[in-house]
Amino acid sequence: MFPMVGLSLILLLLLVLAALAGYERILFKKTSPRAMAEGCWNGEERRRHVRFKDAIGVAYTVEKKSHLRNGVTGDISQSGLKLILDEKLSKGDTLYLRIPIPNSQKVVEAEAEVVWSGEGAAPAPSDKRSFQCGVKFTAVKRSSKKALVEYLRFLYERLSAAAA
């Protein structure tokens, strides 16, 4: 009789443990953080700084090539910009940028790194096949940074006034 009670008790404990393990697995799935994956899929902005759509002519050189080239910004922020151009750049390329601030004598001079590159949808400045790339600023002169922040503040105020 005792072996039968002991065996029944062990069987009951195994059932309770299986139920607890299943419940814990369900609870883990519900409470585990999925913010990064959800942010990738639902289109939420993950950038640190707001980007403003603004087309500004940009002069640039690629690190190992000495001649000056031209492109246009697709958008711009305090930490980087999208550049539309007529040549394909590679991820990791270092660029030296000269961005004239519209309606001003100021020029932003910055060093930047290409973080993504692809075929462009917008026409390139020279009406050839277009490419676009995202660049992040790696070094910006202090005076240039101040000019850039002032210009972005102007764009923000203009956007806020238009929305009001």
Protein backbone atom coordinates (compact mmCIF):
# COMPACT_ATOMS: atom_id res chain seq x y z
CA MET A 1 0.00 0.00 0.00
CA PHE A 2 2.78 2.41 0.91
CA PRO A 3 4.60 1.93 -2.39
CA MET A 4 1.39 2.74 -4.25
CA VAL A 5 0.86 5.95 -2.24
CA GLY A 6 4.50 6.93 -2.72
CA LEU A 7 4.30 6.30 -6.45
CA SER A 8 1.07 8.32 -6.70
CA LEU A 9 2.65 11.18 -4.78
CA ILE A 10 5.70 11.21 -7.08
CA LEU A 11 3.42 11.19 -10.13
CA LEU A 12 1.42 14.09 -8.69
CA LEU A 13 4.61 16.06 -8.02
CA LEU A 14 5.82 15.48 -11.61
CA LEU A 15 2.49 16.78 -12.97
CA VAL A 16 2.73 19.89 -10.79
CA LEU A 17 6.33 20.51 -11.92
CA ALA A 18 5.37 20.14 -15.59
CA ALA A 19 2.47 22.57 -15.13
CA LEU A 20 4.74 25.09 -13.38
CA ALA A 21 7.38 24.81 -16.13
CA GLY A 22 4.74 25.42 -18.81
CA TYR A 23 3.35 28.39 -16.91
CA GLU A 24 6.86 29.84 -16.46
CA ARG A 25 7.57 29.47 -20.19
CA ILE A 26 4.36 31.35 -21.05
CA LEU A 27 5.14 34.04 -18.47
CA PHE A 28 8.68 34.45 -19.85
CA LYS A 29 7.37 34.95 -23.40
CA LYS A 30 4.92 37.60 -22.21
CA THR A 31 7.42 39.54 -20.11
CA SER A 32 10.66 39.22 -22.09
CA PRO A 33 11.76 42.49 -23.71
CA ARG A 34 11.07 42.65 -27.44
CA ALA A 35 11.41 46.41 -27.94
CA MET A 36 14.30 46.24 -30.38
CA ALA A 37 12.59 43.73 -32.66
CA GLU A 38 9.29 45.58 -32.47
CA GLY A 39 11.03 48.88 -33.23
CA CYS A 40 12.48 47.35 -36.38
CA TRP A 41 9.11 46.21 -37.62
CA ASN A 42 6.69 48.95 -36.67
CA GLY A 43 8.65 51.80 -38.27
CA GLU A 44 9.38 53.77 -35.11
CA GLU A 45 12.27 56.21 -35.32
CA ARG A 46 15.38 54.88 -33.58
CA ARG A 47 17.74 57.77 -34.32
CA ARG A 48 19.03 59.90 -31.51
CA HIS A 49 18.52 63.20 -33.38
CA VAL A 50 15.60 64.36 -35.49
CA ARG A 51 16.29 64.53 -39.23
CA PHE A 52 14.95 67.37 -41.34
CA LYS A 53 14.27 66.88 -45.04
CA ASP A 54 16.26 69.61 -46.71
CA ALA A 55 18.17 69.64 -50.00
CA ILE A 56 21.53 71.36 -49.60
CA GLY A 57 24.38 71.11 -52.08
CA VAL A 58 27.37 69.39 -50.50
CA ALA A 59 30.98 69.23 -51.65
CA TYR A 60 32.83 66.14 -50.50
CA THR A 61 35.96 64.11 -51.00
CA VAL A 62 36.41 60.43 -50.30
CA GLU A 63 39.38 59.78 -48.02
CA LYS A 64 41.70 58.11 -50.51
CA LYS A 65 40.59 60.11 -53.56
CA SER A 66 41.69 63.70 -53.77
CA HIS A 67 39.23 65.30 -56.21
CA LEU A 68 36.19 67.22 -55.01
CA ARG A 69 32.74 65.86 -55.80
CA ASN A 70 29.22 67.20 -55.36
CA GLY A 71 26.08 65.74 -53.86
CA VAL A 72 22.81 66.85 -52.27
CA THR A 73 21.44 66.15 -48.82
CA GLY A 74 18.21 64.19 -48.58
CA ASP A 75 17.90 64.91 -44.90
CA ILE A 76 20.13 66.30 -42.20
CA SER A 77 20.50 66.08 -38.43
CA GLN A 78 22.98 66.96 -35.74
CA SER A 79 24.63 63.54 -35.99
CA GLY A 80 24.52 62.79 -39.72
CA LEU A 81 22.75 63.08 -43.05
CA LYS A 82 21.53 61.23 -46.10
CA LEU A 83 23.58 62.08 -49.16
CA ILE A 84 22.26 61.70 -52.72
CA LEU A 85 25.03 61.41 -55.30
CA ASP A 86 25.95 59.91 -58.64
CA GLU A 87 28.50 57.38 -57.40
CA LYS A 88 28.20 54.39 -55.12
CA LEU A 89 30.14 54.63 -51.91
CA SER A 90 31.02 51.71 -49.67
CA LYS A 91 30.06 51.24 -46.05
CA GLY A 92 32.98 52.41 -43.93
CA ASP A 93 34.28 55.03 -46.41
CA THR A 94 35.50 58.22 -44.78
CA LEU A 95 34.23 61.47 -46.30
CA TYR A 96 35.28 65.05 -45.79
CA LEU A 97 32.21 67.27 -46.19
CA ARG A 98 31.69 70.98 -46.83
CA ILE A 99 28.04 71.90 -46.29
CA PRO A 100 27.15 75.55 -46.98
CA ILE A 101 24.35 76.77 -44.72
CA PRO A 102 21.57 78.25 -46.89
CA ASN A 103 21.07 82.04 -46.62
CA SER A 104 24.30 82.33 -44.65
CA GLN A 105 28.02 82.72 -45.17
CA LYS A 106 28.70 79.79 -42.81
CA VAL A 107 30.00 76.41 -43.97
CA VAL A 108 29.90 73.22 -41.93
CA GLU A 109 33.12 71.26 -42.29
CA ALA A 110 32.95 67.70 -41.04
CA GLU A 111 34.50 64.29 -41.32
CA ALA A 112 31.93 61.52 -41.70
CA GLU A 113 31.68 57.76 -42.10
CA VAL A 114 29.35 55.98 -44.52
CA VAL A 115 27.09 53.70 -42.46
CA TRP A 116 24.86 52.46 -45.29
CA SER A 117 24.79 52.77 -49.06
CA GLY A 118 22.35 51.86 -51.79
CA GLU A 119 20.68 52.69 -55.07
CA GLY A 120 18.84 56.01 -54.98
CA ALA A 121 15.23 56.71 -55.86
CA ALA A 122 15.68 60.46 -56.25
CA PRO A 123 17.53 61.88 -59.27
CA ALA A 124 21.18 62.59 -58.72
CA PRO A 125 22.57 66.12 -59.10
CA SER A 126 23.96 65.25 -62.55
CA ASP A 127 20.83 63.37 -63.80
CA LYS A 128 22.81 60.11 -64.04
CA ARG A 129 22.05 56.94 -62.14
CA SER A 130 21.70 57.99 -58.52
CA PHE A 131 22.87 56.49 -55.27
CA GLN A 132 22.31 57.42 -51.69
CA CYS A 133 24.15 56.79 -48.49
CA GLY A 134 23.73 57.53 -44.83
CA VAL A 135 26.66 59.13 -43.09
CA LYS A 136 27.34 59.83 -39.45
CA PHE A 137 29.55 62.71 -38.45
CA THR A 138 32.74 61.51 -36.76
CA ALA A 139 34.42 64.90 -36.33
CA VAL A 140 32.93 68.38 -36.66
CA LYS A 141 34.77 71.64 -36.02
CA ARG A 142 33.39 73.54 -33.03
CA SER A 143 32.36 76.57 -35.10
CA SER A 144 30.79 74.27 -37.68
CA LYS A 145 28.82 72.41 -35.02
CA LYS A 146 27.44 75.68 -33.71
CA ALA A 147 26.41 76.76 -37.23
CA LEU A 148 24.78 73.37 -37.85
CA VAL A 149 22.81 73.47 -34.59
CA GLU A 150 21.62 77.02 -35.34
CA TYR A 151 20.47 75.95 -38.82
CA LEU A 152 18.66 72.88 -37.47
CA ARG A 153 16.97 75.08 -34.86
CA PHE A 154 15.83 77.36 -37.71
CA LEU A 155 14.42 74.34 -39.60
CA TYR A 156 12.62 73.15 -36.47
CA GLU A 157 11.06 76.56 -35.86
CA ARG A 158 10.01 76.80 -39.51
CA LEU A 159 8.43 73.34 -39.31
CA SER A 160 6.66 74.20 -36.03
CA ALA A 161 5.30 77.46 -37.49
CA ALA A 162 4.00 75.63 -40.57
CA ALA A 163 2.26 73.03 -38.38
CA ALA A 164 0.56 75.69 -36.23
